[in-house]
Amino acid sequence: MQIASFLLYLSDVKEGGETMFPFESGLNMDVGYDYKKCIGLKVKPRQGDGLLFYSVFANGTIDQASLHGSCPVIEGEKWVATKWIRDQDQEE
């Protein structure tokens, strides 16, 4: 099970490209998910910055507020390295 994600921003973005959490603090859950609206908590990508967030609570239930996406890039390019953190080894 994936318990957390780590994003490492490899580039700056001139405009747009924020990582967004539309359901942060339980907000907007009745609106639905539309990445083009770019609502909720937004994290601007800056080269060298990292973002760690958990996908589950301590008891193992899924945290719906951890749903995330990317706002559209308006100007420039967005490069990100992602590491998924799991609670057990994956079979090969």
C-alpha atoms as a PDB file:
ATOM      1  CA  MET A   1       0.000   0.000   0.000  1.00  0.00           C
ATOM      2  CA  GLN A   2       1.272   3.454  -0.862  1.00  0.00           C
ATOM      3  CA  ILE A   3       1.398   5.476   2.328  1.00  0.00           C
ATOM      4  CA  ALA A   4       3.142   8.639   1.139  1.00  0.00           C
ATOM      5  CA  SER A   5       4.524  10.437  -1.885  1.00  0.00           C
ATOM      6  CA  PHE A   6       7.575  12.632  -2.266  1.00  0.00           C
ATOM      7  CA  LEU A   7       7.797  15.081  -5.161  1.00  0.00           C
ATOM      8  CA  LEU A   8      11.100  16.745  -6.013  1.00  0.00           C
ATOM      9  CA  TYR A   9      10.727  19.753  -8.276  1.00  0.00           C
ATOM     10  CA  LEU A  10      13.442  19.665 -10.925  1.00  0.00           C
ATOM     11  CA  SER A  11      12.546  22.956 -12.586  1.00  0.00           C
ATOM     12  CA  ASP A  12      10.998  26.326 -11.910  1.00  0.00           C
ATOM     13  CA  VAL A  13       7.750  27.086 -13.731  1.00  0.00           C
ATOM     14  CA  LYS A  14       7.138  30.637 -14.921  1.00  0.00           C
ATOM     15  CA  GLU A  15       3.361  30.420 -14.588  1.00  0.00           C
ATOM     16  CA  GLY A  16       0.973  27.673 -13.480  1.00  0.00           C
ATOM     17  CA  GLY A  17       1.976  24.082 -12.777  1.00  0.00           C
ATOM     18  CA  GLU A  18       1.215  24.163  -9.056  1.00  0.00           C
ATOM     19  CA  THR A  19       0.624  20.871  -7.286  1.00  0.00           C
ATOM     20  CA  MET A  20      -2.894  21.177  -5.934  1.00  0.00           C
ATOM     21  CA  PHE A  21      -4.877  19.429  -3.247  1.00  0.00           C
ATOM     22  CA  PRO A  22      -8.497  20.302  -4.132  1.00  0.00           C
ATOM     23  CA  PHE A  23     -10.006  18.607  -1.068  1.00  0.00           C
ATOM     24  CA  GLU A  24      -7.586  20.054   1.519  1.00  0.00           C
ATOM     25  CA  SER A  25      -9.229  20.302   4.966  1.00  0.00           C
ATOM     26  CA  GLY A  26     -12.330  18.582   3.563  1.00  0.00           C
ATOM     27  CA  LEU A  27     -13.183  21.546   1.338  1.00  0.00           C
ATOM     28  CA  ASN A  28     -14.709  21.254  -2.156  1.00  0.00           C
ATOM     29  CA  MET A  29     -15.587  17.554  -1.746  1.00  0.00           C
ATOM     30  CA  ASP A  30     -19.123  18.287  -2.957  1.00  0.00           C
ATOM     31  CA  VAL A  31     -17.808  20.122  -6.039  1.00  0.00           C
ATOM     32  CA  GLY A  32     -15.880  17.231  -7.554  1.00  0.00           C
ATOM     33  CA  TYR A  33     -12.391  17.045  -8.959  1.00  0.00           C
ATOM     34  CA  ASP A  34     -11.483  19.208 -11.956  1.00  0.00           C
ATOM     35  CA  TYR A  35      -7.765  19.951 -12.297  1.00  0.00           C
ATOM     36  CA  LYS A  36      -8.474  22.817 -14.710  1.00  0.00           C
ATOM     37  CA  LYS A  37     -10.180  24.755 -11.902  1.00  0.00           C
ATOM     38  CA  CYS A  38      -7.003  24.580  -9.827  1.00  0.00           C
ATOM     39  CA  ILE A  39      -8.764  24.925  -6.467  1.00  0.00           C
ATOM     40  CA  GLY A  40      -7.720  24.143  -2.904  1.00  0.00           C
ATOM     41  CA  LEU A  41      -4.225  24.157  -1.450  1.00  0.00           C
ATOM     42  CA  LYS A  42      -1.596  24.928  -4.120  1.00  0.00           C
ATOM     43  CA  VAL A  43       2.184  24.448  -3.956  1.00  0.00           C
ATOM     44  CA  LYS A  44       4.240  26.405  -6.480  1.00  0.00           C
ATOM     45  CA  PRO A  45       7.044  24.347  -8.047  1.00  0.00           C
ATOM     46  CA  ARG A  46      10.509  25.731  -7.300  1.00  0.00           C
ATOM     47  CA  GLN A  47      13.622  23.922  -8.480  1.00  0.00           C
ATOM     48  CA  GLY A  48      15.189  21.969  -5.600  1.00  0.00           C
ATOM     49  CA  ASP A  49      12.096  22.043  -3.362  1.00  0.00           C
ATOM     50  CA  GLY A  50      10.520  18.819  -2.150  1.00  0.00           C
ATOM     51  CA  LEU A  51       6.948  18.023  -1.157  1.00  0.00           C
ATOM     52  CA  LEU A  52       6.087  15.073   1.115  1.00  0.00           C
ATOM     53  CA  PHE A  53       2.492  14.117   1.819  1.00  0.00           C
ATOM     54  CA  TYR A  54       0.753  11.072   3.264  1.00  0.00           C
ATOM     55  CA  SER A  55      -2.032   9.171   1.481  1.00  0.00           C
ATOM     56  CA  VAL A  56      -3.378   7.375   4.546  1.00  0.00           C
ATOM     57  CA  PHE A  57      -4.060   8.086   8.191  1.00  0.00           C
ATOM     58  CA  ALA A  58      -2.119   6.345  10.988  1.00  0.00           C
ATOM     59  CA  ASN A  59      -4.866   3.690  11.215  1.00  0.00           C
ATOM     60  CA  GLY A  60      -4.410   2.809   7.513  1.00  0.00           C
ATOM     61  CA  THR A  61      -7.583   4.373   6.137  1.00  0.00           C
ATOM     62  CA  ILE A  62      -7.271   6.461   2.987  1.00  0.00           C
ATOM     63  CA  ASP A  63      -7.060  10.225   3.423  1.00  0.00           C
ATOM     64  CA  GLN A  64      -9.407  11.610   0.763  1.00  0.00           C
ATOM     65  CA  ALA A  65      -7.813  15.045   1.183  1.00  0.00           C
ATOM     66  CA  SER A  66      -4.533  13.636  -0.164  1.00  0.00           C
ATOM     67  CA  LEU A  67      -5.974  13.527  -3.686  1.00  0.00           C
ATOM     68  CA  HIS A  68      -3.724  15.767  -5.725  1.00  0.00           C
ATOM     69  CA  GLY A  69      -3.064  16.893  -9.254  1.00  0.00           C
ATOM     70  CA  SER A  70      -1.230  19.463 -11.270  1.00  0.00           C
ATOM     71  CA  CYS A  71      -2.609  22.798 -12.346  1.00  0.00           C
ATOM     72  CA  PRO A  72      -2.044  23.378 -16.061  1.00  0.00           C
ATOM     73  CA  VAL A  73       1.342  24.864 -16.952  1.00  0.00           C
ATOM     74  CA  ILE A  74       0.667  28.263 -18.536  1.00  0.00           C
ATOM     75  CA  GLU A  75       4.247  29.232 -19.338  1.00  0.00           C
ATOM     76  CA  GLY A  76       7.447  27.171 -19.165  1.00  0.00           C
ATOM     77  CA  GLU A  77       7.925  23.464 -18.434  1.00  0.00           C
ATOM     78  CA  LYS A  78       7.419  21.404 -15.290  1.00  0.00           C
ATOM     79  CA  TRP A  79       9.793  18.583 -14.390  1.00  0.00           C
ATOM     80  CA  VAL A  80       9.226  16.487 -11.266  1.00  0.00           C
ATOM     81  CA  ALA A  81      10.784  13.332  -9.808  1.00  0.00           C
ATOM     82  CA  THR A  82       8.336  11.246  -7.778  1.00  0.00           C
ATOM     83  CA  LYS A  83       9.053   8.626  -5.104  1.00  0.00           C
ATOM     84  CA  TRP A  84       6.160   6.564  -3.801  1.00  0.00           C
ATOM     85  CA  ILE A  85       6.667   5.313  -0.270  1.00  0.00           C
ATOM     86  CA  ARG A  86       5.066   1.958   0.512  1.00  0.00           C
ATOM     87  CA  ASP A  87       4.597   0.089   3.772  1.00  0.00           C
ATOM     88  CA  GLN A  88       6.022  -3.201   2.428  1.00  0.00           C
ATOM     89  CA  ASP A  89       8.318  -4.499  -0.296  1.00  0.00           C
ATOM     90  CA  GLN A  90       6.817  -4.939  -3.743  1.00  0.00           C
ATOM     91  CA  GLU A  91       7.053  -8.310  -5.452  1.00  0.00           C
ATOM     92  CA  GLU A  92       9.070  -8.313  -8.655  1.00  0.00           C
END
